[in-house]
PDB file of N, CA and C in Angstrom:
ATOM      1  N   MET A   1       0.700  -1.228  -0.250  1.00  0.00           N
ATOM      2  CA  MET A   1       0.264  -0.116   0.160  1.00  0.00           C
ATOM      3  C   MET A   1       0.877   1.236   0.176  1.00  0.00           C
ATOM      4  N   ASN A   2       0.451   2.430  -0.713  1.00  0.00           N
ATOM      5  CA  ASN A   2       1.012   3.398  -0.955  1.00  0.00           C
ATOM      6  C   ASN A   2       0.575   4.187   0.532  1.00  0.00           C
ATOM      7  N   ILE A   3       1.625   5.302   0.795  1.00  0.00           N
ATOM      8  CA  ILE A   3       0.717   6.378   1.949  1.00  0.00           C
ATOM      9  C   ILE A   3       0.876   7.807   1.338  1.00  0.00           C
ATOM     10  N   VAL A   4      -0.335   8.478   1.564  1.00  0.00           N
ATOM     11  CA  VAL A   4      -0.355   9.561   1.027  1.00  0.00           C
ATOM     12  C   VAL A   4      -0.519  10.737   2.375  1.00  0.00           C
ATOM     13  N   PHE A   5      -0.325  11.813   2.614  1.00  0.00           N
ATOM     14  CA  PHE A   5      -0.321  12.700   3.589  1.00  0.00           C
ATOM     15  C   PHE A   5      -1.317  14.216   3.598  1.00  0.00           C
ATOM     16  N   SER A   6      -2.234  14.414   4.415  1.00  0.00           N
ATOM     17  CA  SER A   6      -2.813  15.696   4.351  1.00  0.00           C
ATOM     18  C   SER A   6      -2.143  16.706   4.350  1.00  0.00           C
ATOM     19  N   THR A   7      -2.628  17.982   4.062  1.00  0.00           N
ATOM     20  CA  THR A   7      -1.484  19.175   4.613  1.00  0.00           C
ATOM     21  C   THR A   7      -1.122  19.241   5.853  1.00  0.00           C
ATOM     22  N   GLN A   8      -2.308  18.914   6.830  1.00  0.00           N
ATOM     23  CA  GLN A   8      -1.858  19.209   8.288  1.00  0.00           C
ATOM     24  C   GLN A   8      -1.046  17.823   8.398  1.00  0.00           C
ATOM     25  N   ALA A   9      -0.963  16.874   8.040  1.00  0.00           N
ATOM     26  CA  ALA A   9       0.120  16.016   8.460  1.00  0.00           C
ATOM     27  C   ALA A   9       1.412  16.258   8.018  1.00  0.00           C
ATOM     28  N   GLU A  10       1.262  16.753   6.911  1.00  0.00           N
ATOM     29  CA  GLU A  10       2.843  17.171   6.469  1.00  0.00           C
ATOM     30  C   GLU A  10       3.013  18.477   7.307  1.00  0.00           C
ATOM     31  N   ASN A  11       2.664  19.181   7.598  1.00  0.00           N
ATOM     32  CA  ASN A  11       2.604  20.315   8.451  1.00  0.00           C
ATOM     33  C   ASN A  11       3.494  19.871   9.957  1.00  0.00           C
ATOM     34  N   PHE A  12       2.577  19.074  10.328  1.00  0.00           N
ATOM     35  CA  PHE A  12       2.997  18.352  11.933  1.00  0.00           C
ATOM     36  C   PHE A  12       4.596  17.977  11.608  1.00  0.00           C
ATOM     37  N   LEU A  13       4.739  17.066  10.394  1.00  0.00           N
ATOM     38  CA  LEU A  13       5.916  16.283  10.376  1.00  0.00           C
ATOM     39  C   LEU A  13       7.182  17.075  10.119  1.00  0.00           C
ATOM     40  N   LYS A  14       6.803  18.340   9.379  1.00  0.00           N
ATOM     41  CA  LYS A  14       7.534  19.382   9.400  1.00  0.00           C
ATOM     42  C   LYS A  14       8.125  19.963  10.349  1.00  0.00           C
ATOM     43  N   LYS A  15       7.328  20.233  11.543  1.00  0.00           N
ATOM     44  CA  LYS A  15       7.798  20.330  12.723  1.00  0.00           C
ATOM     45  C   LYS A  15       7.819  19.904  13.802  1.00  0.00           C
ATOM     46  N   CYS A  16       8.037  18.726  13.944  1.00  0.00           N
ATOM     47  CA  CYS A  16       8.421  17.730  14.920  1.00  0.00           C
ATOM     48  C   CYS A  16       9.979  17.150  14.775  1.00  0.00           C
ATOM     49  N   SER A  17      10.181  16.582  15.481  1.00  0.00           N
ATOM     50  CA  SER A  17      11.738  16.473  15.489  1.00  0.00           C
ATOM     51  C   SER A  17      12.083  15.230  14.859  1.00  0.00           C
ATOM     52  N   VAL A  18      13.283  15.285  14.360  1.00  0.00           N
ATOM     53  CA  VAL A  18      13.503  14.248  13.355  1.00  0.00           C
ATOM     54  C   VAL A  18      13.255  13.055  14.036  1.00  0.00           C
ATOM     55  N   ASP A  19      13.997  12.393  15.143  1.00  0.00           N
ATOM     56  CA  ASP A  19      13.446  11.347  15.632  1.00  0.00           C
ATOM     57  C   ASP A  19      12.105  10.863  15.574  1.00  0.00           C
ATOM     58  N   LEU A  20      11.160  11.642  15.954  1.00  0.00           N
ATOM     59  CA  LEU A  20       9.485  11.509  15.875  1.00  0.00           C
ATOM     60  C   LEU A  20       9.443  11.184  14.366  1.00  0.00           C
ATOM     61  N   ARG A  21       9.851  11.760  13.751  1.00  0.00           N
ATOM     62  CA  ARG A  21       9.736  11.669  12.195  1.00  0.00           C
ATOM     63  C   ARG A  21      10.023  10.322  11.520  1.00  0.00           C
ATOM     64  N   LYS A  22      10.897  10.125  12.300  1.00  0.00           N
ATOM     65  CA  LYS A  22      11.540   8.266  11.646  1.00  0.00           C
ATOM     66  C   LYS A  22      10.705   7.508  12.184  1.00  0.00           C
ATOM     67  N   ARG A  23      10.463   7.706  13.687  1.00  0.00           N
ATOM     68  CA  ARG A  23       9.697   6.665  13.906  1.00  0.00           C
ATOM     69  C   ARG A  23       8.247   6.657  13.563  1.00  0.00           C
ATOM     70  N   ILE A  24       7.678   7.725  13.307  1.00  0.00           N
ATOM     71  CA  ILE A  24       6.508   7.838  12.469  1.00  0.00           C
ATOM     72  C   ILE A  24       6.535   7.228  11.259  1.00  0.00           C
ATOM     73  N   PHE A  25       7.647   7.165  10.071  1.00  0.00           N
ATOM     74  CA  PHE A  25       7.730   6.925   8.902  1.00  0.00           C
ATOM     75  C   PHE A  25       7.968   5.568   9.040  1.00  0.00           C
ATOM     76  N   LYS A  26       8.609   4.979   9.937  1.00  0.00           N
ATOM     77  CA  LYS A  26       9.107   3.642  10.086  1.00  0.00           C
ATOM     78  C   LYS A  26       8.185   2.860  10.631  1.00  0.00           C
ATOM     79  N   LYS A  27       7.047   3.434  11.222  1.00  0.00           N
ATOM     80  CA  LYS A  27       6.156   2.520  11.759  1.00  0.00           C
ATOM     81  C   LYS A  27       4.889   2.480  10.769  1.00  0.00           C
ATOM     82  N   LEU A  28       4.755   3.669  10.034  1.00  0.00           N
ATOM     83  CA  LEU A  28       3.741   3.561   8.888  1.00  0.00           C
ATOM     84  C   LEU A  28       4.295   2.706   7.793  1.00  0.00           C
ATOM     85  N   GLU A  29       5.066   2.801   7.433  1.00  0.00           N
ATOM     86  CA  GLU A  29       5.903   1.612   6.594  1.00  0.00           C
ATOM     87  C   GLU A  29       5.607   0.274   6.965  1.00  0.00           C
ATOM     88  N   PHE A  30       5.681   0.155   8.021  1.00  0.00           N
ATOM     89  CA  PHE A  30       5.382  -1.168   8.570  1.00  0.00           C
ATOM     90  C   PHE A  30       4.034  -1.570   8.603  1.00  0.00           C
ATOM     91  N   TYR A  31       3.320  -0.905   9.010  1.00  0.00           N
ATOM     92  CA  TYR A  31       1.716  -0.806   8.771  1.00  0.00           C
ATOM     93  C   TYR A  31       1.313  -1.065   7.168  1.00  0.00           C
ATOM     94  N   ALA A  32       1.955  -0.478   6.244  1.00  0.00           N
ATOM     95  CA  ALA A  32       1.801  -0.245   4.605  1.00  0.00           C
ATOM     96  C   ALA A  32       2.134  -1.639   4.250  1.00  0.00           C
ATOM     97  N   SER A  33       3.060  -2.325   4.933  1.00  0.00           N
ATOM     98  CA  SER A  33       3.740  -3.260   4.519  1.00  0.00           C
ATOM     99  C   SER A  33       2.485  -4.814   4.402  1.00  0.00           C
ATOM    100  N   ALA A  34       2.234  -4.399   5.636  1.00  0.00           N
ATOM    101  CA  ALA A  34       1.083  -5.784   6.172  1.00  0.00           C
ATOM    102  C   ALA A  34       0.152  -6.236   5.224  1.00  0.00           C
ATOM    103  N   PRO A  35      -0.448  -7.291   5.250  1.00  0.00           N
ATOM    104  CA  PRO A  35      -1.253  -7.779   4.177  1.00  0.00           C
ATOM    105  C   PRO A  35      -2.581  -6.988   4.547  1.00  0.00           C
ATOM    106  N   ASN A  36      -2.908  -6.898   5.735  1.00  0.00           N
ATOM    107  CA  ASN A  36      -3.629  -6.201   6.119  1.00  0.00           C
ATOM    108  C   ASN A  36      -4.006  -5.087   7.085  1.00  0.00           C
ATOM    109  N   PRO A  37      -3.186  -3.995   7.126  1.00  0.00           N
ATOM    110  CA  PRO A  37      -3.113  -2.944   7.924  1.00  0.00           C
ATOM    111  C   PRO A  37      -4.537  -2.374   8.808  1.00  0.00           C
ATOM    112  N   LEU A  38      -5.369  -2.934   8.539  1.00  0.00           N
ATOM    113  CA  LEU A  38      -6.283  -2.634   9.465  1.00  0.00           C
ATOM    114  C   LEU A  38      -6.213  -3.534  10.952  1.00  0.00           C
ATOM    115  N   GLU A  39      -5.475  -4.491  10.557  1.00  0.00           N
ATOM    116  CA  GLU A  39      -5.194  -5.246  11.988  1.00  0.00           C
ATOM    117  C   GLU A  39      -4.764  -4.618  13.034  1.00  0.00           C
ATOM    118  N   PHE A  40      -4.064  -3.717  12.631  1.00  0.00           N
ATOM    119  CA  PHE A  40      -3.209  -2.611  13.571  1.00  0.00           C
ATOM    120  C   PHE A  40      -3.747  -1.531  14.063  1.00  0.00           C
ATOM    121  N   ALA A  41      -5.029  -1.312  13.065  1.00  0.00           N
ATOM    122  CA  ALA A  41      -6.000  -0.020  13.969  1.00  0.00           C
ATOM    123  C   ALA A  41      -6.848  -0.590  14.507  1.00  0.00           C
ATOM    124  N   GLU A  42      -7.161   1.513  15.269  1.00  0.00           N
ATOM    125  CA  GLU A  42      -8.560   1.090  15.921  1.00  0.00           C
ATOM    126  C   GLU A  42      -9.808   1.560  15.021  1.00  0.00           C
ATOM    127  N   HIS A  43     -10.955   1.358  14.905  1.00  0.00           N
ATOM    128  CA  HIS A  43     -12.054   1.984  14.628  1.00  0.00           C
ATOM    129  C   HIS A  43     -12.667   3.227  15.276  1.00  0.00           C
ATOM    130  N   LEU A  44     -13.007   4.370  14.710  1.00  0.00           N
ATOM    131  CA  LEU A  44     -13.343   5.581  15.063  1.00  0.00           C
ATOM    132  C   LEU A  44     -14.615   5.684  14.723  1.00  0.00           C
ATOM    133  N   THR A  45     -15.636   6.066  15.478  1.00  0.00           N
ATOM    134  CA  THR A  45     -17.096   5.981  15.234  1.00  0.00           C
ATOM    135  C   THR A  45     -17.539   6.852  15.060  1.00  0.00           C
ATOM    136  N   LYS A  46     -16.858   8.466  15.711  1.00  0.00           N
ATOM    137  CA  LYS A  46     -17.048   9.662  15.280  1.00  0.00           C
ATOM    138  C   LYS A  46     -16.735  10.420  14.219  1.00  0.00           C
ATOM    139  N   ASP A  47     -15.840   9.885  13.631  1.00  0.00           N
ATOM    140  CA  ASP A  47     -14.905  10.715  12.419  1.00  0.00           C
ATOM    141  C   ASP A  47     -15.351   9.696  11.044  1.00  0.00           C
ATOM    142  N   ALA A  48     -16.058  10.609   9.974  1.00  0.00           N
ATOM    143  CA  ALA A  48     -16.456   9.877   8.765  1.00  0.00           C
ATOM    144  C   ALA A  48     -14.996  10.355   8.200  1.00  0.00           C
ATOM    145  N   GLU A  49     -14.536  11.262   7.961  1.00  0.00           N
ATOM    146  CA  GLU A  49     -13.231  11.890   7.421  1.00  0.00           C
ATOM    147  C   GLU A  49     -12.294  10.554   7.550  1.00  0.00           C
ATOM    148  N   ALA A  50     -11.632  10.282   8.710  1.00  0.00           N
ATOM    149  CA  ALA A  50     -10.689   9.370   9.117  1.00  0.00           C
ATOM    150  C   ALA A  50     -11.234   8.609  10.131  1.00  0.00           C
ATOM    151  N   PRO A  51     -11.731   7.447   9.522  1.00  0.00           N
ATOM    152  CA  PRO A  51     -12.496   6.125  10.436  1.00  0.00           C
ATOM    153  C   PRO A  51     -11.638   5.150  11.093  1.00  0.00           C
ATOM    154  N   TYR A  52     -10.294   5.659  10.928  1.00  0.00           N
ATOM    155  CA  TYR A  52      -9.344   4.673  11.482  1.00  0.00           C
ATOM    156  C   TYR A  52      -8.200   5.451  12.415  1.00  0.00           C
ATOM    157  N   ARG A  53      -7.371   4.603  13.242  1.00  0.00           N
ATOM    158  CA  ARG A  53      -6.102   5.337  13.901  1.00  0.00           C
ATOM    159  C   ARG A  53      -5.317   4.524  14.068  1.00  0.00           C
ATOM    160  N   PHE A  54      -4.043   4.717  13.961  1.00  0.00           N
ATOM    161  CA  PHE A  54      -2.813   4.315  14.431  1.00  0.00           C
ATOM    162  C   PHE A  54      -2.341   4.405  15.587  1.00  0.00           C
ATOM    163  N   ARG A  55      -1.604   3.831  16.480  1.00  0.00           N
ATOM    164  CA  ARG A  55      -1.321   4.363  17.450  1.00  0.00           C
ATOM    165  C   ARG A  55       0.354   4.083  17.680  1.00  0.00           C
ATOM    166  N   ILE A  56       1.121   5.183  17.717  1.00  0.00           N
ATOM    167  CA  ILE A  56       2.385   5.115  17.823  1.00  0.00           C
ATOM    168  C   ILE A  56       3.183   5.998  19.285  1.00  0.00           C
ATOM    169  N   GLY A  57       3.046   4.824  20.190  1.00  0.00           N
ATOM    170  CA  GLY A  57       3.163   5.682  21.831  1.00  0.00           C
ATOM    171  C   GLY A  57       2.562   6.590  21.827  1.00  0.00           C
ATOM    172  N   ASN A  58       2.290   7.828  22.233  1.00  0.00           N
ATOM    173  CA  ASN A  58       1.504   8.538  22.353  1.00  0.00           C
ATOM    174  C   ASN A  58       0.927   9.669  21.614  1.00  0.00           C
ATOM    175  N   TRP A  59       1.396   9.273  20.361  1.00  0.00           N
ATOM    176  CA  TRP A  59       0.830  10.026  19.155  1.00  0.00           C
ATOM    177  C   TRP A  59      -0.156   8.687  18.526  1.00  0.00           C
ATOM    178  N   ARG A  60      -1.168   9.760  18.148  1.00  0.00           N
ATOM    179  CA  ARG A  60      -2.216   8.977  17.190  1.00  0.00           C
ATOM    180  C   ARG A  60      -2.186   9.472  15.552  1.00  0.00           C
ATOM    181  N   ILE A  61      -2.693   8.479  14.739  1.00  0.00           N
ATOM    182  CA  ILE A  61      -2.309   9.091  13.170  1.00  0.00           C
ATOM    183  C   ILE A  61      -4.035   8.515  12.849  1.00  0.00           C
ATOM    184  N   LYS A  62      -4.878   9.587  12.270  1.00  0.00           N
ATOM    185  CA  LYS A  62      -6.056   9.175  11.846  1.00  0.00           C
ATOM    186  C   LYS A  62      -5.908   9.270  10.462  1.00  0.00           C
ATOM    187  N   PHE A  63      -6.567   8.181   9.896  1.00  0.00           N
ATOM    188  CA  PHE A  63      -6.655   7.983   8.669  1.00  0.00           C
ATOM    189  C   PHE A  63      -7.934   7.392   7.737  1.00  0.00           C
ATOM    190  N   SER A  64      -7.667   7.271   6.875  1.00  0.00           N
ATOM    191  CA  SER A  64      -8.552   6.301   5.874  1.00  0.00           C
ATOM    192  C   SER A  64      -7.919   5.726   4.844  1.00  0.00           C
ATOM    193  N   ILE A  65      -8.361   4.806   4.068  1.00  0.00           N
ATOM    194  CA  ILE A  65      -8.063   3.799   3.316  1.00  0.00           C
ATOM    195  C   ILE A  65      -8.847   3.950   2.027  1.00  0.00           C
ATOM    196  N   GLU A  66      -8.482   4.383   0.900  1.00  0.00           N
ATOM    197  CA  GLU A  66      -9.180   4.751  -0.488  1.00  0.00           C
ATOM    198  C   GLU A  66      -8.230   3.926  -1.393  1.00  0.00           C
ATOM    199  N   ASN A  67      -8.428   2.919  -2.347  1.00  0.00           N
ATOM    200  CA  ASN A  67      -8.153   2.463  -3.504  1.00  0.00           C
ATOM    201  C   ASN A  67      -6.670   1.721  -3.089  1.00  0.00           C
ATOM    202  N   SER A  68      -6.450   1.201  -1.915  1.00  0.00           N
ATOM    203  CA  SER A  68      -4.932   0.399  -1.624  1.00  0.00           C
ATOM    204  C   SER A  68      -4.059   1.657  -1.147  1.00  0.00           C
ATOM    205  N   VAL A  69      -4.938   2.492  -0.839  1.00  0.00           N
ATOM    206  CA  VAL A  69      -4.000   4.094  -0.537  1.00  0.00           C
ATOM    207  C   VAL A  69      -3.968   4.355   1.176  1.00  0.00           C
ATOM    208  N   ILE A  70      -3.230   4.565   1.962  1.00  0.00           N
ATOM    209  CA  ILE A  70      -3.219   4.929   3.520  1.00  0.00           C
ATOM    210  C   ILE A  70      -3.295   6.566   3.037  1.00  0.00           C
ATOM    211  N   ALA A  71      -4.411   6.727   3.355  1.00  0.00           N
ATOM    212  CA  ALA A  71      -4.480   8.481   3.286  1.00  0.00           C
ATOM    213  C   ALA A  71      -4.481   8.904   5.086  1.00  0.00           C
ATOM    214  N   VAL A  72      -3.396   9.595   5.305  1.00  0.00           N
ATOM    215  CA  VAL A  72      -2.881   9.843   6.523  1.00  0.00           C
ATOM    216  C   VAL A  72      -3.651  11.540   6.383  1.00  0.00           C
ATOM    217  N   LYS A  73      -4.973  12.052   7.355  1.00  0.00           N
ATOM    218  CA  LYS A  73      -5.684  12.953   7.711  1.00  0.00           C
ATOM    219  C   LYS A  73      -4.930  13.933   8.945  1.00  0.00           C
ATOM    220  N   GLN A  74      -4.586  13.276   9.575  1.00  0.00           N
ATOM    221  CA  GLN A  74      -4.129  13.978  10.807  1.00  0.00           C
ATOM    222  C   GLN A  74      -2.982  13.263  11.786  1.00  0.00           C
ATOM    223  N   ILE A  75      -2.406  14.058  12.395  1.00  0.00           N
ATOM    224  CA  ILE A  75      -1.347  13.759  13.316  1.00  0.00           C
ATOM    225  C   ILE A  75      -1.239  14.318  14.521  1.00  0.00           C
ATOM    226  N   GLY A  76      -1.344  13.611  15.802  1.00  0.00           N
ATOM    227  CA  GLY A  76      -1.218  14.508  16.990  1.00  0.00           C
ATOM    228  C   GLY A  76      -0.989  13.756  17.920  1.00  0.00           C
ATOM    229  N   PRO A  77      -1.052  14.233  19.485  1.00  0.00           N
ATOM    230  CA  PRO A  77      -0.797  13.980  20.554  1.00  0.00           C
ATOM    231  C   PRO A  77      -2.232  13.084  21.074  1.00  0.00           C
ATOM    232  N   ARG A  78      -2.065  12.030  21.878  1.00  0.00           N
ATOM    233  CA  ARG A  78      -3.191  11.761  22.151  1.00  0.00           C
ATOM    234  C   ARG A  78      -4.238  12.376  22.397  1.00  0.00           C
ATOM    235  N   ASP A  79      -3.970  13.041  23.584  1.00  0.00           N
ATOM    236  CA  ASP A  79      -4.893  13.990  24.643  1.00  0.00           C
ATOM    237  C   ASP A  79      -5.531  15.364  23.183  1.00  0.00           C
ATOM    238  N   LYS A  80      -5.068  15.581  22.429  1.00  0.00           N
ATOM    239  CA  LYS A  80      -5.276  16.557  21.503  1.00  0.00           C
ATOM    240  C   LYS A  80      -6.127  16.454  20.242  1.00  0.00           C
ATOM    241  N   ILE A  81      -5.685  15.024  19.882  1.00  0.00           N
ATOM    242  CA  ILE A  81      -6.028  14.971  18.351  1.00  0.00           C
ATOM    243  C   ILE A  81      -7.754  14.372  18.384  1.00  0.00           C
ATOM    244  N   TYR A  82      -8.555  14.092  19.254  1.00  0.00           N
ATOM    245  CA  TYR A  82      -9.586  13.858  19.462  1.00  0.00           C
ATOM    246  C   TYR A  82     -10.642  15.035  19.857  1.00  0.00           C
ATOM    247  N   ASN A  83     -10.047  16.264  20.228  1.00  0.00           N
ATOM    248  CA  ASN A  83     -10.929  17.406  19.844  1.00  0.00           C
ATOM    249  C   ASN A  83     -11.481  17.663  18.791  1.00  0.00           C
TER     250      ASN A  83
END
């Protein structure tokens, strides 16, 4: 599967530390290479635009899957991403 990022996700990645960026990319590549990436995801019931999330430590990645593409919509800390 390919991975694409929204403008919000790209802006977050530009601002975060290099270590966090590498950690996020490594984990996303792992999820994308899995036969079923949704096996590692949680379903979000209140977000139609990004119905799934990945957990990477205290960080959350909200995404959708469209035509074999993981579309990352939002990245943020767990205490602020659901607001």
